[in-house]
Amino acid sequence: MTVSLPLVVVLGFFAWGAIKFLGVRTWIVVLIALFGFWLSHTFLAPAIESGTRSGVGVVNGSHD
């Protein structure tokens, strides 16, 4: 059985768990999210995207 979840949902669960169980402050989670959006509009975005795709390929076992 294959379950397909958007990355935002998975990251939301991680953020909720960090706030609930690890005691991470909400403003830190918001700051990290905003920094991620800012970083996606810089010259580093293509490198981040290819690294993410490669990491997903390794985890899924399908090396491209």
N, C-alpha and C. Protein backbone atom coordinates (compact mmCIF):
# COMPACT_ATOMS: atom_id res chain seq x y z
N MET A 1 0.85 -1.17 0.00
CA MET A 1 0.00 0.00 0.00
C MET A 1 0.90 1.24 0.00
N THR A 2 0.60 2.16 -0.88
CA THR A 2 1.38 3.38 -0.99
C THR A 2 0.55 4.56 -0.51
N VAL A 3 1.12 5.35 0.37
CA VAL A 3 0.45 6.54 0.87
C VAL A 3 1.24 7.74 0.37
N SER A 4 0.54 8.68 -0.22
CA SER A 4 1.19 9.88 -0.75
C SER A 4 0.73 11.09 0.05
N LEU A 5 1.67 11.71 0.76
CA LEU A 5 1.38 12.90 1.55
C LEU A 5 2.22 14.07 1.03
N PRO A 6 1.64 15.25 0.98
CA PRO A 6 2.46 16.40 0.62
C PRO A 6 3.53 16.66 1.68
N LEU A 7 4.65 17.20 1.24
CA LEU A 7 5.75 17.47 2.16
C LEU A 7 5.34 18.44 3.26
N VAL A 8 4.46 19.37 2.93
CA VAL A 8 4.02 20.36 3.92
C VAL A 8 3.30 19.67 5.08
N VAL A 9 2.52 18.63 4.78
CA VAL A 9 1.81 17.90 5.84
C VAL A 9 2.80 17.17 6.74
N VAL A 10 3.78 16.54 6.14
CA VAL A 10 4.80 15.82 6.92
C VAL A 10 5.58 16.78 7.80
N LEU A 11 5.99 17.91 7.23
CA LEU A 11 6.73 18.90 8.02
C LEU A 11 5.85 19.50 9.11
N GLY A 12 4.56 19.64 8.83
CA GLY A 12 3.63 20.13 9.84
C GLY A 12 3.54 19.17 11.03
N PHE A 13 3.52 17.87 10.75
CA PHE A 13 3.51 16.88 11.84
C PHE A 13 4.79 16.96 12.67
N PHE A 14 5.93 17.13 11.99
CA PHE A 14 7.19 17.26 12.72
C PHE A 14 7.20 18.53 13.57
N ALA A 15 6.70 19.62 13.02
CA ALA A 15 6.65 20.87 13.78
C ALA A 15 5.73 20.74 14.98
N TRP A 16 4.58 20.12 14.79
CA TRP A 16 3.64 19.92 15.90
C TRP A 16 4.28 19.06 16.98
N GLY A 17 4.96 17.99 16.58
CA GLY A 17 5.64 17.12 17.55
C GLY A 17 6.75 17.83 18.30
N ALA A 18 7.49 18.69 17.58
CA ALA A 18 8.57 19.44 18.23
C ALA A 18 8.00 20.41 19.25
N ILE A 19 6.88 21.05 18.91
CA ILE A 19 6.27 21.99 19.86
C ILE A 19 5.67 21.25 21.03
N LYS A 20 4.97 20.17 20.76
CA LYS A 20 4.23 19.45 21.80
C LYS A 20 5.16 18.67 22.74
N PHE A 21 6.12 17.93 22.18
CA PHE A 21 6.89 16.99 22.99
C PHE A 21 8.31 17.47 23.32
N LEU A 22 8.89 18.31 22.49
CA LEU A 22 10.26 18.76 22.74
C LEU A 22 10.33 20.14 23.35
N GLY A 23 9.20 20.82 23.41
CA GLY A 23 9.17 22.13 24.03
C GLY A 23 9.75 23.25 23.18
N VAL A 24 9.78 23.04 21.86
CA VAL A 24 10.28 24.08 20.96
C VAL A 24 9.24 25.20 20.91
N ARG A 25 9.70 26.42 20.97
CA ARG A 25 8.78 27.56 20.96
C ARG A 25 8.17 27.72 19.57
N THR A 26 6.92 28.17 19.54
CA THR A 26 6.19 28.35 18.28
C THR A 26 6.89 29.37 17.40
N TRP A 27 7.42 30.44 17.98
CA TRP A 27 8.04 31.48 17.16
C TRP A 27 9.28 30.95 16.46
N ILE A 28 9.96 29.97 17.04
CA ILE A 28 11.13 29.39 16.38
C ILE A 28 10.71 28.60 15.15
N VAL A 29 9.61 27.85 15.27
CA VAL A 29 9.09 27.09 14.13
C VAL A 29 8.67 28.04 13.01
N VAL A 30 8.00 29.13 13.37
CA VAL A 30 7.59 30.12 12.37
C VAL A 30 8.81 30.76 11.71
N LEU A 31 9.82 31.08 12.50
CA LEU A 31 11.03 31.68 11.97
C LEU A 31 11.74 30.74 11.00
N ILE A 32 11.83 29.48 11.33
CA ILE A 32 12.47 28.50 10.45
C ILE A 32 11.68 28.37 9.15
N ALA A 33 10.35 28.35 9.24
CA ALA A 33 9.52 28.26 8.03
C ALA A 33 9.71 29.49 7.14
N LEU A 34 9.72 30.67 7.74
CA LEU A 34 9.92 31.89 6.96
C LEU A 34 11.30 31.92 6.32
N PHE A 35 12.32 31.46 7.03
CA PHE A 35 13.66 31.39 6.48
C PHE A 35 13.70 30.42 5.30
N GLY A 36 12.97 29.33 5.39
CA GLY A 36 12.90 28.38 4.28
C GLY A 36 12.28 28.99 3.04
N PHE A 37 11.19 29.76 3.22
CA PHE A 37 10.58 30.43 2.08
C PHE A 37 11.54 31.45 1.48
N TRP A 38 12.25 32.19 2.32
CA TRP A 38 13.21 33.17 1.83
C TRP A 38 14.33 32.46 1.06
N LEU A 39 14.82 31.36 1.61
CA LEU A 39 15.92 30.63 1.00
C LEU A 39 15.52 30.05 -0.35
N SER A 40 14.24 29.73 -0.53
CA SER A 40 13.80 29.15 -1.79
C SER A 40 13.82 30.16 -2.93
N HIS A 41 13.96 31.43 -2.62
CA HIS A 41 14.02 32.46 -3.65
C HIS A 41 15.42 32.99 -3.87
N THR A 42 16.43 32.26 -3.42
CA THR A 42 17.81 32.68 -3.60
C THR A 42 18.47 31.81 -4.66
N PHE A 43 19.73 32.06 -4.91
CA PHE A 43 20.48 31.27 -5.89
C PHE A 43 20.74 29.84 -5.41
N LEU A 44 20.50 29.56 -4.14
CA LEU A 44 20.72 28.21 -3.60
C LEU A 44 19.56 27.25 -3.88
N ALA A 45 18.44 27.78 -4.36
CA ALA A 45 17.24 26.95 -4.55
C ALA A 45 17.47 25.74 -5.46
N PRO A 46 18.14 25.87 -6.62
CA PRO A 46 18.36 24.68 -7.45
C PRO A 46 19.19 23.60 -6.76
N ALA A 47 20.18 24.01 -5.99
CA ALA A 47 21.00 23.03 -5.28
C ALA A 47 20.20 22.33 -4.19
N ILE A 48 19.36 23.08 -3.52
CA ILE A 48 18.52 22.49 -2.47
C ILE A 48 17.53 21.51 -3.09
N GLU A 49 16.94 21.89 -4.22
CA GLU A 49 15.96 21.01 -4.86
C GLU A 49 16.61 19.72 -5.35
N SER A 50 17.77 19.82 -5.98
CA SER A 50 18.42 18.60 -6.47
C SER A 50 18.87 17.71 -5.31
N GLY A 51 19.34 18.33 -4.23
CA GLY A 51 19.73 17.54 -3.05
C GLY A 51 18.54 16.86 -2.41
N THR A 52 17.41 17.55 -2.38
CA THR A 52 16.20 16.95 -1.82
C THR A 52 15.73 15.78 -2.69
N ARG A 53 15.73 15.98 -4.00
CA ARG A 53 15.32 14.90 -4.91
C ARG A 53 16.26 13.70 -4.79
N SER A 54 17.54 13.94 -4.66
CA SER A 54 18.49 12.84 -4.51
C SER A 54 18.26 12.09 -3.20
N GLY A 55 18.00 12.85 -2.13
CA GLY A 55 17.72 12.22 -0.83
C GLY A 55 16.46 11.38 -0.86
N VAL A 56 15.42 11.89 -1.52
CA VAL A 56 14.18 11.11 -1.64
C VAL A 56 14.42 9.85 -2.47
N GLY A 57 15.22 10.00 -3.52
CA GLY A 57 15.55 8.83 -4.34
C GLY A 57 16.31 7.77 -3.56
N VAL A 58 17.22 8.19 -2.70
CA VAL A 58 17.96 7.22 -1.86
C VAL A 58 17.02 6.53 -0.89
N VAL A 59 16.14 7.30 -0.26
CA VAL A 59 15.21 6.72 0.71
C VAL A 59 14.25 5.76 0.02
N ASN A 60 13.76 6.13 -1.17
CA ASN A 60 12.82 5.27 -1.90
C ASN A 60 13.50 4.11 -2.62
N GLY A 61 14.81 4.16 -2.73
CA GLY A 61 15.54 3.08 -3.39
C GLY A 61 15.56 3.21 -4.89
N SER A 62 15.22 4.35 -5.44
CA SER A 62 15.23 4.54 -6.90
C SER A 62 16.25 5.61 -7.23
N HIS A 63 17.47 5.20 -7.49
CA HIS A 63 18.54 6.15 -7.80
C HIS A 63 18.41 6.58 -9.24
N ASP A 64 18.37 7.90 -9.47
CA ASP A 64 18.26 8.41 -10.86
C ASP A 64 19.61 8.78 -11.39
